[in-house]
């Protein structure tokens, strides 16, 4: 959201669409939508951050999307996951698995793109 506001202030063209916020935690999802009791003692410490998200959603800057845990691609960056989950996430992100012998055959060109030598 900061990037969107900054680019508009600088006069840069920015797509006028909502920023998607993917959430897999039902409690957080319901709190951001306003479907839970915020007067709970355990919710007291996050009221400021929560109101920021709720305001962004109500103003149309952001869109809250429930995404199941198995579909969260960035989970492997924040917690330990199994090999199947890690492989699926890396494949979805376009990360290639290169063996040691294949890496030795990569010749770095003067451009930013590597050149594969057979």
Foldseek 3Di string as FASTA:
>chain_A
DVVVVVCVVVVHDDDPAAAEDEDADPVLLCLLVVNDDCVDPVNVVCVVVSVVSNVCVVVRNHDYDYDHPLPDLCVVVPDPDDPVSVVVSCVVVPHDDDDPVQVVQWDQDPDRDIDGDD
